[in-house]
C-alpha atoms as a PDB file:
ATOM      1  CA  UNK A   1       0.000   0.000   0.000  1.00  0.00           C
ATOM      2  CA  UNK A   2       2.803   2.415   0.779  1.00  0.00           C
ATOM      3  CA  UNK A   3       4.146   1.998  -2.768  1.00  0.00           C
ATOM      4  CA  UNK A   4       0.767   3.000  -4.208  1.00  0.00           C
ATOM      5  CA  UNK A   5       0.668   6.097  -2.008  1.00  0.00           C
ATOM      6  CA  UNK A   6       4.186   6.991  -3.067  1.00  0.00           C
ATOM      7  CA  UNK A   7       3.276   6.566  -6.744  1.00  0.00           C
ATOM      8  CA  UNK A   8       0.186   8.731  -6.395  1.00  0.00           C
ATOM      9  CA  UNK A   9       2.212  11.391  -4.560  1.00  0.00           C
ATOM     10  CA  UNK A  10       4.825  11.303  -7.319  1.00  0.00           C
ATOM     11  CA  UNK A  11       2.155  11.679 -10.003  1.00  0.00           C
ATOM     12  CA  UNK A  12       0.594  14.555  -8.102  1.00  0.00           C
ATOM     13  CA  UNK A  13       3.953  16.293  -7.874  1.00  0.00           C
ATOM     14  CA  UNK A  14       4.477  15.880 -11.639  1.00  0.00           C
ATOM     15  CA  UNK A  15       1.108  17.482 -12.330  1.00  0.00           C
ATOM     16  CA  UNK A  16       1.974  20.407 -10.080  1.00  0.00           C
ATOM     17  CA  UNK A  17       5.321  20.852 -11.842  1.00  0.00           C
ATOM     18  CA  UNK A  18       3.622  21.092 -15.231  1.00  0.00           C
ATOM     19  CA  UNK A  19       1.744  24.253 -14.318  1.00  0.00           C
ATOM     20  CA  UNK A  20       2.688  27.562 -15.849  1.00  0.00           C
ATOM     21  CA  UNK A  21       4.869  27.911 -18.956  1.00  0.00           C
ATOM     22  CA  UNK A  22       6.318  24.432 -18.670  1.00  0.00           C
ATOM     23  CA  UNK A  23       2.851  22.887 -18.524  1.00  0.00           C
ATOM     24  CA  UNK A  24       1.703  24.882 -21.531  1.00  0.00           C
ATOM     25  CA  UNK A  25       4.818  23.916 -23.473  1.00  0.00           C
ATOM     26  CA  UNK A  26       4.263  20.277 -22.594  1.00  0.00           C
ATOM     27  CA  UNK A  27       0.641  20.443 -23.774  1.00  0.00           C
ATOM     28  CA  UNK A  28       1.669  22.192 -26.994  1.00  0.00           C
ATOM     29  CA  UNK A  29       4.314  19.551 -27.663  1.00  0.00           C
ATOM     30  CA  UNK A  30       1.755  16.821 -27.081  1.00  0.00           C
ATOM     31  CA  UNK A  31      -0.657  18.520 -29.507  1.00  0.00           C
ATOM     32  CA  UNK A  32       2.074  18.754 -32.141  1.00  0.00           C
ATOM     33  CA  UNK A  33       2.957  15.083 -31.689  1.00  0.00           C
ATOM     34  CA  UNK A  34      -0.713  14.110 -31.982  1.00  0.00           C
ATOM     35  CA  UNK A  35      -1.016  16.173 -35.171  1.00  0.00           C
ATOM     36  CA  UNK A  36       1.979  14.449 -36.782  1.00  0.00           C
ATOM     37  CA  UNK A  37       0.708  11.036 -35.708  1.00  0.00           C
ATOM     38  CA  UNK A  38      -2.614  11.789 -37.417  1.00  0.00           C
ATOM     39  CA  UNK A  39      -0.782  12.993 -40.528  1.00  0.00           C
ATOM     40  CA  UNK A  40       1.260   9.792 -40.713  1.00  0.00           C
ATOM     41  CA  UNK A  41      -1.850   7.687 -40.181  1.00  0.00           C
ATOM     42  CA  UNK A  42      -3.701   9.493 -42.981  1.00  0.00           C
ATOM     43  CA  UNK A  43      -0.706   9.076 -45.292  1.00  0.00           C
ATOM     44  CA  UNK A  44      -0.522   5.339 -44.515  1.00  0.00           C
ATOM     45  CA  UNK A  45      -4.254   5.024 -45.128  1.00  0.00           C
ATOM     46  CA  UNK A  46      -3.877   6.623 -48.572  1.00  0.00           C
ATOM     47  CA  UNK A  47      -1.098   4.200 -49.474  1.00  0.00           C
ATOM     48  CA  UNK A  48      -3.205   1.275 -48.303  1.00  0.00           C
ATOM     49  CA  UNK A  49      -6.205   2.414 -50.348  1.00  0.00           C
ATOM     50  CA  UNK A  50      -4.037   2.776 -53.461  1.00  0.00           C
ATOM     51  CA  UNK A  51      -2.597  -0.710 -52.954  1.00  0.00           C
ATOM     52  CA  UNK A  52      -6.078  -2.181 -52.514  1.00  0.00           C
ATOM     53  CA  UNK A  53      -7.272  -0.476 -55.711  1.00  0.00           C
ATOM     54  CA  UNK A  54      -4.303  -1.840 -57.674  1.00  0.00           C
ATOM     55  CA  UNK A  55      -4.946  -5.343 -56.323  1.00  0.00           C
ATOM     56  CA  UNK A  56      -8.639  -5.136 -57.224  1.00  0.00           C
ATOM     57  CA  UNK A  57      -7.813  -4.026 -60.778  1.00  0.00           C
ATOM     58  CA  UNK A  58      -5.402  -6.949 -61.183  1.00  0.00           C
ATOM     59  CA  UNK A  59      -8.054  -9.333 -59.880  1.00  0.00           C
ATOM     60  CA  UNK A  60     -10.569  -7.994 -62.423  1.00  0.00           C
ATOM     61  CA  UNK A  61      -8.055  -8.429 -65.254  1.00  0.00           C
ATOM     62  CA  UNK A  62      -7.248 -11.985 -64.187  1.00  0.00           C
ATOM     63  CA  UNK A  63     -10.929 -12.842 -63.880  1.00  0.00           C
ATOM     64  CA  UNK A  64     -11.566 -11.495 -67.386  1.00  0.00           C
ATOM     65  CA  UNK A  65      -8.705 -13.620 -68.753  1.00  0.00           C
ATOM     66  CA  UNK A  66     -10.051 -16.726 -67.034  1.00  0.00           C
ATOM     67  CA  UNK A  67     -13.535 -16.063 -68.407  1.00  0.00           C
ATOM     68  CA  UNK A  68     -12.107 -15.666 -71.921  1.00  0.00           C
ATOM     69  CA  UNK A  69     -10.267 -18.965 -71.596  1.00  0.00           C
ATOM     70  CA  UNK A  70     -13.403 -20.704 -70.325  1.00  0.00           C
ATOM     71  CA  UNK A  71     -15.310 -19.579 -73.387  1.00  0.00           C
ATOM     72  CA  UNK A  72     -12.621 -21.060 -75.634  1.00  0.00           C
ATOM     73  CA  UNK A  73     -12.881 -24.531 -74.024  1.00  0.00           C
ATOM     74  CA  UNK A  74     -14.989 -26.942 -76.062  1.00  0.00           C
ATOM     75  CA  UNK A  75     -17.038 -29.313 -73.941  1.00  0.00           C
ATOM     76  CA  UNK A  76     -17.966 -32.673 -75.381  1.00  0.00           C
ATOM     77  CA  UNK A  77     -21.572 -33.720 -74.752  1.00  0.00           C
ATOM     78  CA  UNK A  78     -20.437 -37.315 -74.238  1.00  0.00           C
ATOM     79  CA  UNK A  79     -18.127 -36.182 -71.416  1.00  0.00           C
ATOM     80  CA  UNK A  80     -21.044 -34.422 -69.721  1.00  0.00           C
ATOM     81  CA  UNK A  81     -23.137 -37.593 -70.102  1.00  0.00           C
ATOM     82  CA  UNK A  82     -20.396 -39.681 -68.465  1.00  0.00           C
ATOM     83  CA  UNK A  83     -20.300 -37.284 -65.539  1.00  0.00           C
ATOM     84  CA  UNK A  84     -24.111 -37.342 -65.312  1.00  0.00           C
ATOM     85  CA  UNK A  85     -23.870 -41.096 -64.803  1.00  0.00           C
ATOM     86  CA  UNK A  86     -21.725 -40.322 -61.757  1.00  0.00           C
ATOM     87  CA  UNK A  87     -24.559 -38.219 -60.263  1.00  0.00           C
ATOM     88  CA  UNK A  88     -22.966 -34.905 -61.200  1.00  0.00           C
ATOM     89  CA  UNK A  89     -25.393 -32.290 -62.485  1.00  0.00           C
ATOM     90  CA  UNK A  90     -25.013 -30.942 -66.015  1.00  0.00           C
ATOM     91  CA  UNK A  91     -24.070 -27.458 -64.755  1.00  0.00           C
ATOM     92  CA  UNK A  92     -21.442 -28.831 -62.377  1.00  0.00           C
ATOM     93  CA  UNK A  93     -20.104 -31.182 -65.044  1.00  0.00           C
ATOM     94  CA  UNK A  94     -19.663 -28.305 -67.483  1.00  0.00           C
ATOM     95  CA  UNK A  95     -18.049 -26.135 -64.814  1.00  0.00           C
ATOM     96  CA  UNK A  96     -15.538 -28.825 -63.793  1.00  0.00           C
ATOM     97  CA  UNK A  97     -14.774 -29.712 -67.407  1.00  0.00           C
ATOM     98  CA  UNK A  98     -14.081 -26.049 -68.183  1.00  0.00           C
ATOM     99  CA  UNK A  99     -11.776 -25.825 -65.172  1.00  0.00           C
ATOM    100  CA  UNK A 100      -9.827 -28.792 -66.552  1.00  0.00           C
ATOM    101  CA  UNK A 101      -9.781 -27.584 -70.179  1.00  0.00           C
ATOM    102  CA  UNK A 102     -12.400 -30.092 -71.315  1.00  0.00           C
ATOM    103  CA  UNK A 103     -10.256 -33.100 -70.328  1.00  0.00           C
ATOM    104  CA  UNK A 104     -12.606 -35.759 -68.921  1.00  0.00           C
ATOM    105  CA  UNK A 105      -9.844 -37.819 -67.327  1.00  0.00           C
ATOM    106  CA  UNK A 106      -8.293 -34.806 -65.572  1.00  0.00           C
ATOM    107  CA  UNK A 107     -11.737 -33.681 -64.414  1.00  0.00           C
ATOM    108  CA  UNK A 108     -12.568 -37.067 -62.920  1.00  0.00           C
ATOM    109  CA  UNK A 109      -9.187 -37.203 -61.152  1.00  0.00           C
ATOM    110  CA  UNK A 110      -9.793 -33.719 -59.787  1.00  0.00           C
ATOM    111  CA  UNK A 111     -13.225 -34.698 -58.459  1.00  0.00           C
ATOM    112  CA  UNK A 112     -11.896 -37.872 -56.839  1.00  0.00           C
ATOM    113  CA  UNK A 113      -9.003 -36.075 -55.149  1.00  0.00           C
ATOM    114  CA  UNK A 114     -11.136 -33.206 -53.894  1.00  0.00           C
END
Protein backbone atom coordinates (compact mmCIF):
# COMPACT_ATOMS: atom_id res chain seq x y z
CA UNK A 1 0.00 0.00 0.00
CA UNK A 2 2.80 2.42 0.78
CA UNK A 3 4.15 2.00 -2.77
CA UNK A 4 0.77 3.00 -4.21
CA UNK A 5 0.67 6.10 -2.01
CA UNK A 6 4.19 6.99 -3.07
CA UNK A 7 3.28 6.57 -6.74
CA UNK A 8 0.19 8.73 -6.40
CA UNK A 9 2.21 11.39 -4.56
CA UNK A 10 4.82 11.30 -7.32
CA UNK A 11 2.15 11.68 -10.00
CA UNK A 12 0.59 14.56 -8.10
CA UNK A 13 3.95 16.29 -7.87
CA UNK A 14 4.48 15.88 -11.64
CA UNK A 15 1.11 17.48 -12.33
CA UNK A 16 1.97 20.41 -10.08
CA UNK A 17 5.32 20.85 -11.84
CA UNK A 18 3.62 21.09 -15.23
CA UNK A 19 1.74 24.25 -14.32
CA UNK A 20 2.69 27.56 -15.85
CA UNK A 21 4.87 27.91 -18.96
CA UNK A 22 6.32 24.43 -18.67
CA UNK A 23 2.85 22.89 -18.52
CA UNK A 24 1.70 24.88 -21.53
CA UNK A 25 4.82 23.92 -23.47
CA UNK A 26 4.26 20.28 -22.59
CA UNK A 27 0.64 20.44 -23.77
CA UNK A 28 1.67 22.19 -26.99
CA UNK A 29 4.31 19.55 -27.66
CA UNK A 30 1.76 16.82 -27.08
CA UNK A 31 -0.66 18.52 -29.51
CA UNK A 32 2.07 18.75 -32.14
CA UNK A 33 2.96 15.08 -31.69
CA UNK A 34 -0.71 14.11 -31.98
CA UNK A 35 -1.02 16.17 -35.17
CA UNK A 36 1.98 14.45 -36.78
CA UNK A 37 0.71 11.04 -35.71
CA UNK A 38 -2.61 11.79 -37.42
CA UNK A 39 -0.78 12.99 -40.53
CA UNK A 40 1.26 9.79 -40.71
CA UNK A 41 -1.85 7.69 -40.18
CA UNK A 42 -3.70 9.49 -42.98
CA UNK A 43 -0.71 9.08 -45.29
CA UNK A 44 -0.52 5.34 -44.52
CA UNK A 45 -4.25 5.02 -45.13
CA UNK A 46 -3.88 6.62 -48.57
CA UNK A 47 -1.10 4.20 -49.47
CA UNK A 48 -3.21 1.27 -48.30
CA UNK A 49 -6.21 2.41 -50.35
CA UNK A 50 -4.04 2.78 -53.46
CA UNK A 51 -2.60 -0.71 -52.95
CA UNK A 52 -6.08 -2.18 -52.51
CA UNK A 53 -7.27 -0.48 -55.71
CA UNK A 54 -4.30 -1.84 -57.67
CA UNK A 55 -4.95 -5.34 -56.32
CA UNK A 56 -8.64 -5.14 -57.22
CA UNK A 57 -7.81 -4.03 -60.78
CA UNK A 58 -5.40 -6.95 -61.18
CA UNK A 59 -8.05 -9.33 -59.88
CA UNK A 60 -10.57 -7.99 -62.42
CA UNK A 61 -8.05 -8.43 -65.25
CA UNK A 62 -7.25 -11.99 -64.19
CA UNK A 63 -10.93 -12.84 -63.88
CA UNK A 64 -11.57 -11.50 -67.39
CA UNK A 65 -8.71 -13.62 -68.75
CA UNK A 66 -10.05 -16.73 -67.03
CA UNK A 67 -13.54 -16.06 -68.41
CA UNK A 68 -12.11 -15.67 -71.92
CA UNK A 69 -10.27 -18.97 -71.60
CA UNK A 70 -13.40 -20.70 -70.33
CA UNK A 71 -15.31 -19.58 -73.39
CA UNK A 72 -12.62 -21.06 -75.63
CA UNK A 73 -12.88 -24.53 -74.02
CA UNK A 74 -14.99 -26.94 -76.06
CA UNK A 75 -17.04 -29.31 -73.94
CA UNK A 76 -17.97 -32.67 -75.38
CA UNK A 77 -21.57 -33.72 -74.75
CA UNK A 78 -20.44 -37.32 -74.24
CA UNK A 79 -18.13 -36.18 -71.42
CA UNK A 80 -21.04 -34.42 -69.72
CA UNK A 81 -23.14 -37.59 -70.10
CA UNK A 82 -20.40 -39.68 -68.47
CA UNK A 83 -20.30 -37.28 -65.54
CA UNK A 84 -24.11 -37.34 -65.31
CA UNK A 85 -23.87 -41.10 -64.80
CA UNK A 86 -21.72 -40.32 -61.76
CA UNK A 87 -24.56 -38.22 -60.26
CA UNK A 88 -22.97 -34.91 -61.20
CA UNK A 89 -25.39 -32.29 -62.48
CA UNK A 90 -25.01 -30.94 -66.01
CA UNK A 91 -24.07 -27.46 -64.76
CA UNK A 92 -21.44 -28.83 -62.38
CA UNK A 93 -20.10 -31.18 -65.04
CA UNK A 94 -19.66 -28.30 -67.48
CA UNK A 95 -18.05 -26.14 -64.81
CA UNK A 96 -15.54 -28.83 -63.79
CA UNK A 97 -14.77 -29.71 -67.41
CA UNK A 98 -14.08 -26.05 -68.18
CA UNK A 99 -11.78 -25.83 -65.17
CA UNK A 100 -9.83 -28.79 -66.55
CA UNK A 101 -9.78 -27.58 -70.18
CA UNK A 102 -12.40 -30.09 -71.31
CA UNK A 103 -10.26 -33.10 -70.33
CA UNK A 104 -12.61 -35.76 -68.92
CA UNK A 105 -9.84 -37.82 -67.33
CA UNK A 106 -8.29 -34.81 -65.57
CA UNK A 107 -11.74 -33.68 -64.41
CA UNK A 108 -12.57 -37.07 -62.92
CA UNK A 109 -9.19 -37.20 -61.15
CA UNK A 110 -9.79 -33.72 -59.79
CA UNK A 111 -13.23 -34.70 -58.46
CA UNK A 112 -11.90 -37.87 -56.84
CA UNK A 113 -9.00 -36.07 -55.15
CA UNK A 114 -11.14 -33.21 -53.89
